N, C-alpha and C. Protein backbone atom coordinates (compact mmCIF):
# COMPACT_ATOMS: atom_id res chain seq x y z
N THR A 1 0.84 -1.18 0.00
CA THR A 1 0.00 0.00 0.00
C THR A 1 0.88 1.24 0.00
N LYS A 2 0.26 2.34 -0.31
CA LYS A 2 0.98 3.61 -0.28
C LYS A 2 1.49 3.92 1.13
N ALA A 3 0.68 3.60 2.13
CA ALA A 3 1.08 3.85 3.52
C ALA A 3 2.29 3.01 3.91
N LEU A 4 2.33 1.75 3.47
CA LEU A 4 3.48 0.89 3.77
C LEU A 4 4.74 1.41 3.08
N GLN A 5 4.60 1.84 1.84
CA GLN A 5 5.76 2.38 1.12
C GLN A 5 6.29 3.64 1.82
N GLN A 6 5.38 4.48 2.30
CA GLN A 6 5.80 5.68 3.02
C GLN A 6 6.50 5.32 4.33
N PHE A 7 5.98 4.32 5.03
CA PHE A 7 6.60 3.87 6.27
C PHE A 7 8.02 3.36 6.00
N ILE A 8 8.20 2.58 4.95
CA ILE A 8 9.54 2.08 4.60
C ILE A 8 10.47 3.25 4.29
N ASP A 9 9.99 4.22 3.52
CA ASP A 9 10.81 5.40 3.23
C ASP A 9 11.16 6.15 4.51
N ASP A 10 10.19 6.27 5.42
CA ASP A 10 10.44 6.95 6.70
C ASP A 10 11.47 6.19 7.53
N MET A 11 11.43 4.85 7.47
CA MET A 11 12.42 4.05 8.19
C MET A 11 13.82 4.32 7.65
N PHE A 12 13.97 4.36 6.33
CA PHE A 12 15.28 4.67 5.75
C PHE A 12 15.74 6.06 6.18
N GLU A 13 14.83 7.02 6.21
CA GLU A 13 15.18 8.38 6.62
C GLU A 13 15.65 8.40 8.08
N THR A 14 14.94 7.71 8.95
CA THR A 14 15.33 7.62 10.36
C THR A 14 16.69 6.96 10.50
N MET A 15 16.89 5.86 9.79
CA MET A 15 18.17 5.15 9.83
C MET A 15 19.31 6.07 9.42
N ASP A 16 19.09 6.82 8.34
CA ASP A 16 20.13 7.73 7.85
C ASP A 16 20.40 8.87 8.84
N GLU A 17 19.33 9.42 9.42
CA GLU A 17 19.49 10.50 10.40
C GLU A 17 20.29 10.05 11.61
N GLU A 18 20.13 8.79 12.00
CA GLU A 18 20.83 8.24 13.15
C GLU A 18 22.19 7.64 12.77
N GLU A 19 22.55 7.78 11.50
CA GLU A 19 23.82 7.26 10.97
C GLU A 19 23.96 5.77 11.21
N GLY A 20 22.85 5.05 11.04
CA GLY A 20 22.85 3.61 11.20
C GLY A 20 22.95 2.91 9.86
N ILE A 21 23.07 1.59 9.93
CA ILE A 21 23.09 0.79 8.70
C ILE A 21 21.92 -0.20 8.67
N GLY A 22 21.10 -0.20 9.71
CA GLY A 22 19.94 -1.07 9.76
C GLY A 22 18.94 -0.56 10.77
N LEU A 23 17.67 -0.88 10.51
CA LEU A 23 16.61 -0.46 11.42
C LEU A 23 15.45 -1.44 11.27
N ALA A 24 14.89 -1.85 12.39
CA ALA A 24 13.73 -2.75 12.41
C ALA A 24 12.51 -1.97 12.90
N ALA A 25 11.35 -2.31 12.37
CA ALA A 25 10.12 -1.58 12.69
C ALA A 25 9.86 -1.47 14.20
N PRO A 26 10.10 -2.52 15.01
CA PRO A 26 9.86 -2.35 16.45
C PRO A 26 10.70 -1.24 17.09
N GLN A 27 11.81 -0.88 16.49
CA GLN A 27 12.64 0.19 17.05
C GLN A 27 11.99 1.56 16.89
N VAL A 28 11.02 1.66 16.00
CA VAL A 28 10.29 2.92 15.81
C VAL A 28 8.81 2.71 16.17
N SER A 29 8.59 1.83 17.15
CA SER A 29 7.28 1.60 17.76
C SER A 29 6.22 1.06 16.81
N ARG A 30 6.64 0.23 15.87
CA ARG A 30 5.67 -0.43 14.98
C ARG A 30 5.85 -1.94 15.13
N SER A 31 4.78 -2.61 15.46
CA SER A 31 4.81 -4.05 15.65
C SER A 31 4.60 -4.75 14.30
N GLN A 32 5.59 -4.58 13.43
CA GLN A 32 5.56 -5.19 12.11
C GLN A 32 6.91 -5.83 11.84
N GLN A 33 6.92 -6.84 11.02
CA GLN A 33 8.14 -7.59 10.70
C GLN A 33 8.80 -6.96 9.48
N ILE A 34 9.37 -5.77 9.65
CA ILE A 34 10.00 -5.03 8.55
C ILE A 34 11.38 -4.58 8.98
N ILE A 35 12.34 -4.78 8.09
CA ILE A 35 13.73 -4.36 8.30
C ILE A 35 14.17 -3.55 7.09
N VAL A 36 14.90 -2.46 7.33
CA VAL A 36 15.58 -1.74 6.25
C VAL A 36 17.06 -1.71 6.58
N MET A 37 17.88 -1.77 5.54
CA MET A 37 19.34 -1.77 5.73
C MET A 37 20.01 -1.13 4.52
N ALA A 38 21.17 -0.54 4.74
CA ALA A 38 22.02 -0.03 3.66
C ALA A 38 23.35 0.37 4.26
N CYS A 39 24.42 0.09 3.54
CA CYS A 39 25.75 0.48 4.00
C CYS A 39 26.60 0.79 2.78
N LYS A 40 26.97 2.04 2.65
CA LYS A 40 27.78 2.47 1.52
C LYS A 40 29.25 2.18 1.78
N GLY A 41 30.01 2.16 0.73
CA GLY A 41 31.46 2.03 0.86
C GLY A 41 31.94 0.60 0.76
N GLU A 42 33.25 0.48 0.92
CA GLU A 42 33.90 -0.82 0.82
C GLU A 42 33.38 -1.76 1.89
N GLY A 43 33.03 -2.97 1.50
CA GLY A 43 32.49 -3.94 2.44
C GLY A 43 31.04 -3.71 2.78
N GLY A 44 30.41 -2.72 2.14
CA GLY A 44 29.02 -2.40 2.42
C GLY A 44 28.06 -3.28 1.65
N PHE A 45 26.82 -2.86 1.62
CA PHE A 45 25.78 -3.63 0.93
C PHE A 45 24.70 -2.67 0.47
N PRO A 46 23.90 -3.10 -0.52
CA PRO A 46 22.90 -2.20 -1.11
C PRO A 46 21.70 -1.98 -0.19
N GLN A 47 20.92 -0.96 -0.54
CA GLN A 47 19.68 -0.69 0.17
C GLN A 47 18.81 -1.95 0.07
N THR A 48 18.34 -2.42 1.22
CA THR A 48 17.60 -3.68 1.28
C THR A 48 16.39 -3.51 2.19
N VAL A 49 15.27 -4.07 1.77
CA VAL A 49 14.06 -4.14 2.59
C VAL A 49 13.70 -5.60 2.74
N LEU A 50 13.49 -6.03 3.97
CA LEU A 50 13.07 -7.41 4.25
C LEU A 50 11.77 -7.36 5.05
N ILE A 51 10.73 -7.97 4.50
CA ILE A 51 9.44 -8.05 5.17
C ILE A 51 9.19 -9.51 5.51
N ASN A 52 8.82 -9.76 6.76
CA ASN A 52 8.63 -11.12 7.28
C ASN A 52 9.86 -12.00 7.01
N PRO A 53 11.05 -11.52 7.39
CA PRO A 53 12.26 -12.30 7.10
C PRO A 53 12.38 -13.54 7.95
N SER A 54 13.03 -14.53 7.36
CA SER A 54 13.33 -15.77 8.07
C SER A 54 14.74 -16.19 7.68
N ILE A 55 15.61 -16.37 8.67
CA ILE A 55 16.95 -16.87 8.38
C ILE A 55 16.82 -18.39 8.30
N VAL A 56 17.08 -18.93 7.11
CA VAL A 56 16.87 -20.36 6.89
C VAL A 56 18.17 -21.16 6.95
N TYR A 57 19.31 -20.46 7.01
CA TYR A 57 20.59 -21.15 7.11
C TYR A 57 21.61 -20.22 7.74
N TYR A 58 22.38 -20.77 8.67
CA TYR A 58 23.51 -20.07 9.29
C TYR A 58 24.78 -20.79 8.89
N GLY A 59 25.76 -20.06 8.37
CA GLY A 59 27.03 -20.66 8.01
C GLY A 59 27.80 -21.11 9.24
N PRO A 60 28.78 -22.00 9.04
CA PRO A 60 29.51 -22.56 10.18
C PRO A 60 30.58 -21.63 10.76
N ASN A 61 31.05 -20.67 10.00
CA ASN A 61 32.12 -19.78 10.46
C ASN A 61 31.55 -18.60 11.23
N GLN A 62 32.32 -18.13 12.21
CA GLN A 62 31.90 -17.03 13.07
C GLN A 62 32.75 -15.78 12.81
N VAL A 63 32.18 -14.62 13.10
CA VAL A 63 32.89 -13.35 13.00
C VAL A 63 32.50 -12.52 14.23
N GLU A 64 33.47 -11.77 14.75
CA GLU A 64 33.22 -10.89 15.89
C GLU A 64 33.22 -9.46 15.40
N MET A 65 32.15 -8.72 15.71
CA MET A 65 32.05 -7.31 15.31
C MET A 65 31.48 -6.48 16.45
N TRP A 66 31.79 -5.19 16.39
CA TRP A 66 31.20 -4.24 17.33
C TRP A 66 29.77 -3.98 16.92
N GLU A 67 28.87 -3.96 17.90
CA GLU A 67 27.48 -3.65 17.63
C GLU A 67 26.99 -2.60 18.61
N GLY A 68 25.97 -1.90 18.20
CA GLY A 68 25.32 -0.88 19.00
C GLY A 68 24.01 -0.55 18.31
N GLY A 69 23.33 0.49 18.73
CA GLY A 69 22.13 0.87 18.01
C GLY A 69 21.17 1.71 18.82
N LEU A 70 20.07 2.06 18.17
CA LEU A 70 19.06 2.92 18.78
C LEU A 70 18.43 2.33 20.03
N SER A 71 18.28 1.03 20.07
CA SER A 71 17.58 0.40 21.19
C SER A 71 18.34 0.50 22.50
N VAL A 72 19.64 0.55 22.43
CA VAL A 72 20.50 0.74 23.61
C VAL A 72 21.49 1.84 23.27
N ASP A 73 20.97 2.99 22.99
CA ASP A 73 21.74 4.13 22.50
C ASP A 73 22.90 4.46 23.43
N GLY A 74 24.05 4.71 22.83
CA GLY A 74 25.21 5.12 23.60
C GLY A 74 26.09 3.99 24.07
N LEU A 75 25.75 2.74 23.76
CA LEU A 75 26.55 1.59 24.16
C LEU A 75 27.07 0.84 22.94
N ARG A 76 28.23 0.22 23.10
CA ARG A 76 28.83 -0.64 22.07
C ARG A 76 29.37 -1.88 22.76
N GLY A 77 29.39 -2.97 22.01
CA GLY A 77 29.96 -4.21 22.53
C GLY A 77 30.26 -5.17 21.39
N LYS A 78 31.20 -6.08 21.62
CA LYS A 78 31.55 -7.07 20.61
C LYS A 78 30.60 -8.26 20.71
N VAL A 79 30.12 -8.69 19.53
CA VAL A 79 29.21 -9.82 19.43
C VAL A 79 29.76 -10.78 18.38
N THR A 80 29.71 -12.07 18.68
CA THR A 80 30.12 -13.10 17.74
C THR A 80 28.88 -13.71 17.11
N ARG A 81 28.87 -13.74 15.79
CA ARG A 81 27.73 -14.28 15.04
C ARG A 81 28.23 -15.06 13.83
N PRO A 82 27.38 -15.90 13.24
CA PRO A 82 27.76 -16.56 11.99
C PRO A 82 28.09 -15.52 10.90
N SER A 83 29.11 -15.80 10.11
CA SER A 83 29.55 -14.86 9.09
C SER A 83 28.80 -15.00 7.77
N MET A 84 27.86 -15.95 7.70
CA MET A 84 27.07 -16.15 6.49
C MET A 84 25.67 -16.61 6.87
N VAL A 85 24.66 -16.05 6.21
CA VAL A 85 23.29 -16.48 6.40
C VAL A 85 22.56 -16.52 5.06
N LYS A 86 21.53 -17.34 5.01
CA LYS A 86 20.60 -17.36 3.88
C LYS A 86 19.26 -16.91 4.43
N VAL A 87 18.64 -15.94 3.76
CA VAL A 87 17.41 -15.32 4.23
C VAL A 87 16.31 -15.43 3.18
N ARG A 88 15.10 -15.70 3.65
CA ARG A 88 13.90 -15.63 2.81
C ARG A 88 13.02 -14.53 3.38
N ALA A 89 12.47 -13.71 2.49
CA ALA A 89 11.61 -12.61 2.92
C ALA A 89 10.81 -12.13 1.71
N LEU A 90 10.02 -11.11 1.94
CA LEU A 90 9.38 -10.38 0.86
C LEU A 90 10.10 -9.05 0.71
N ASP A 91 10.21 -8.55 -0.52
CA ASP A 91 10.79 -7.22 -0.72
C ASP A 91 9.69 -6.17 -0.50
N ARG A 92 10.02 -4.93 -0.71
CA ARG A 92 9.05 -3.86 -0.42
C ARG A 92 7.83 -3.89 -1.31
N HIS A 93 7.87 -4.66 -2.40
CA HIS A 93 6.73 -4.76 -3.32
C HIS A 93 6.00 -6.10 -3.17
N GLY A 94 6.40 -6.91 -2.20
CA GLY A 94 5.72 -8.17 -1.94
C GLY A 94 6.26 -9.35 -2.71
N ALA A 95 7.33 -9.16 -3.48
CA ALA A 95 7.93 -10.26 -4.22
C ALA A 95 8.81 -11.09 -3.28
N VAL A 96 8.83 -12.40 -3.50
CA VAL A 96 9.66 -13.29 -2.69
C VAL A 96 11.13 -12.99 -2.98
N LEU A 97 11.89 -12.89 -1.91
CA LEU A 97 13.31 -12.58 -1.99
C LEU A 97 14.07 -13.65 -1.24
N GLU A 98 15.09 -14.20 -1.86
CA GLU A 98 15.96 -15.15 -1.19
C GLU A 98 17.38 -14.68 -1.45
N LEU A 99 18.14 -14.49 -0.38
CA LEU A 99 19.50 -13.99 -0.58
C LEU A 99 20.48 -14.63 0.37
N ASP A 100 21.72 -14.72 -0.10
CA ASP A 100 22.84 -15.16 0.73
C ASP A 100 23.61 -13.92 1.10
N ALA A 101 23.93 -13.78 2.36
CA ALA A 101 24.67 -12.62 2.84
C ALA A 101 25.89 -13.09 3.62
N THR A 102 26.98 -12.35 3.47
CA THR A 102 28.20 -12.66 4.19
C THR A 102 28.71 -11.40 4.89
N GLY A 103 29.64 -11.61 5.81
CA GLY A 103 30.32 -10.50 6.47
C GLY A 103 29.39 -9.54 7.16
N LEU A 104 29.63 -8.25 6.95
CA LEU A 104 28.86 -7.19 7.60
C LEU A 104 27.37 -7.29 7.26
N PHE A 105 27.05 -7.62 6.02
CA PHE A 105 25.65 -7.75 5.61
C PHE A 105 24.97 -8.85 6.42
N ALA A 106 25.63 -10.00 6.58
CA ALA A 106 25.06 -11.12 7.34
C ALA A 106 24.87 -10.74 8.81
N VAL A 107 25.84 -10.05 9.38
CA VAL A 107 25.74 -9.64 10.78
C VAL A 107 24.61 -8.63 10.96
N CYS A 108 24.49 -7.69 10.04
CA CYS A 108 23.43 -6.69 10.13
C CYS A 108 22.06 -7.36 10.06
N ILE A 109 21.89 -8.32 9.15
CA ILE A 109 20.62 -9.03 9.06
C ILE A 109 20.29 -9.70 10.39
N GLN A 110 21.25 -10.39 10.97
CA GLN A 110 21.01 -11.09 12.24
C GLN A 110 20.67 -10.10 13.36
N HIS A 111 21.38 -8.99 13.39
CA HIS A 111 21.15 -7.95 14.39
C HIS A 111 19.72 -7.42 14.28
N GLU A 112 19.28 -7.13 13.07
CA GLU A 112 17.94 -6.57 12.87
C GLU A 112 16.85 -7.61 13.07
N VAL A 113 17.06 -8.85 12.64
CA VAL A 113 16.09 -9.91 12.89
C VAL A 113 15.92 -10.11 14.39
N ASP A 114 16.99 -9.97 15.15
CA ASP A 114 16.88 -10.05 16.61
C ASP A 114 15.86 -9.04 17.15
N HIS A 115 15.86 -7.82 16.60
CA HIS A 115 14.89 -6.82 17.06
C HIS A 115 13.45 -7.28 16.83
N LEU A 116 13.24 -8.04 15.77
CA LEU A 116 11.89 -8.52 15.45
C LEU A 116 11.40 -9.55 16.46
N ILE A 117 12.34 -10.17 17.19
CA ILE A 117 11.95 -11.16 18.20
C ILE A 117 12.24 -10.66 19.61
N GLY A 118 12.43 -9.36 19.75
CA GLY A 118 12.57 -8.75 21.07
C GLY A 118 13.94 -8.86 21.70
N LYS A 119 14.96 -9.09 20.89
CA LYS A 119 16.32 -9.18 21.42
C LYS A 119 17.15 -7.98 20.96
N VAL A 120 18.15 -7.63 21.76
CA VAL A 120 19.13 -6.61 21.39
C VAL A 120 20.51 -7.23 21.46
N PHE A 121 21.51 -6.52 20.95
CA PHE A 121 22.85 -7.11 20.89
C PHE A 121 23.38 -7.53 22.25
N LEU A 122 22.95 -6.86 23.32
CA LEU A 122 23.38 -7.24 24.67
C LEU A 122 23.03 -8.68 24.98
N ASP A 123 21.90 -9.14 24.46
CA ASP A 123 21.46 -10.52 24.69
C ASP A 123 22.38 -11.53 24.01
N ARG A 124 23.15 -11.10 23.03
CA ARG A 124 24.03 -11.99 22.26
C ARG A 124 25.49 -11.91 22.71
N MET A 125 25.81 -10.95 23.57
CA MET A 125 27.20 -10.82 24.02
C MET A 125 27.55 -11.97 24.96
N THR A 126 28.69 -12.62 24.70
CA THR A 126 29.15 -13.69 25.58
C THR A 126 30.24 -13.21 26.53
N ASP A 127 30.81 -12.04 26.24
CA ASP A 127 31.86 -11.46 27.08
C ASP A 127 31.54 -9.99 27.28
N LEU A 128 31.04 -9.65 28.44
CA LEU A 128 30.63 -8.27 28.71
C LEU A 128 31.80 -7.32 28.97
N SER A 129 33.03 -7.83 28.94
CA SER A 129 34.18 -6.95 29.19
C SER A 129 34.37 -5.92 28.08
N THR A 130 33.77 -6.13 26.91
CA THR A 130 33.89 -5.14 25.83
C THR A 130 32.73 -4.15 25.82
N LEU A 131 31.75 -4.32 26.69
CA LEU A 131 30.63 -3.39 26.75
C LEU A 131 31.15 -2.03 27.19
N THR A 132 30.89 -1.02 26.39
CA THR A 132 31.45 0.29 26.66
C THR A 132 30.48 1.39 26.23
N GLN A 133 30.61 2.54 26.87
CA GLN A 133 29.84 3.70 26.45
C GLN A 133 30.48 4.29 25.20
N LEU A 134 29.67 5.01 24.42
CA LEU A 134 30.14 5.52 23.14
C LEU A 134 31.38 6.40 23.27
N ASP A 135 31.43 7.27 24.27
CA ASP A 135 32.60 8.14 24.45
C ASP A 135 33.86 7.31 24.69
N GLU A 136 33.75 6.29 25.52
CA GLU A 136 34.90 5.41 25.78
C GLU A 136 35.25 4.59 24.56
N PHE A 137 34.24 4.16 23.82
CA PHE A 137 34.49 3.42 22.59
C PHE A 137 35.33 4.27 21.64
N ASP A 138 34.91 5.52 21.44
CA ASP A 138 35.65 6.40 20.53
C ASP A 138 37.07 6.64 21.01
N GLN A 139 37.25 6.76 22.31
CA GLN A 139 38.58 7.06 22.85
C GLN A 139 39.49 5.84 22.88
N TYR A 140 38.98 4.68 23.28
CA TYR A 140 39.85 3.54 23.54
C TYR A 140 39.78 2.42 22.51
N TRP A 141 38.67 2.29 21.82
CA TRP A 141 38.49 1.16 20.92
C TRP A 141 38.48 1.54 19.44
N ARG A 142 38.09 2.74 19.10
CA ARG A 142 37.90 3.15 17.71
C ARG A 142 39.16 2.93 16.88
N GLN A 143 40.34 3.00 17.50
CA GLN A 143 41.58 2.84 16.75
C GLN A 143 41.68 1.49 16.06
N GLU A 144 40.83 0.54 16.44
CA GLU A 144 40.81 -0.76 15.79
C GLU A 144 40.18 -0.67 14.40
N HIS A 145 39.75 0.53 13.99
CA HIS A 145 39.05 0.71 12.72
C HIS A 145 37.82 -0.18 12.68
N ALA A 146 37.11 -0.17 13.77
CA ALA A 146 35.97 -1.06 13.94
C ALA A 146 34.77 -0.61 13.11
N THR A 147 34.14 -1.58 12.51
CA THR A 147 32.84 -1.33 11.88
C THR A 147 31.81 -1.60 12.96
N VAL A 148 30.86 -0.68 13.08
CA VAL A 148 29.84 -0.82 14.11
C VAL A 148 28.49 -1.01 13.44
N ILE A 149 27.76 -1.98 13.91
CA ILE A 149 26.41 -2.22 13.41
C ILE A 149 25.44 -1.35 14.19
């Protein structure tokens, strides 16, 4: 519908304003299974909309990345997740979408799907020693050239 398309556009606008690379509808007080994502630059991924997403396969290899976001604003922490996933969803026009994602794209999908089931990155952290406030992250950890979800 026109209203759904406007909501998706508004989600992308909110994500961009917050300098994020992903946003799930529950983060903006909508109880819908919608995710928007985009990350420009090297290692990035194209603008993506996933409606009713389901991760149908997790790769065997793991990757550790810094995560943070609107739901726990001002905090960052390292999370280990599978480095590859296969996802089934609908795109913004209702067409069936099946994609394989690796690296940052795969981690972002997992991070955003977690929001759809009421989880945040803190729930996935196995070592809380890296949990840090944003100011401390910038001062002590940023030199790692960390990508943050």
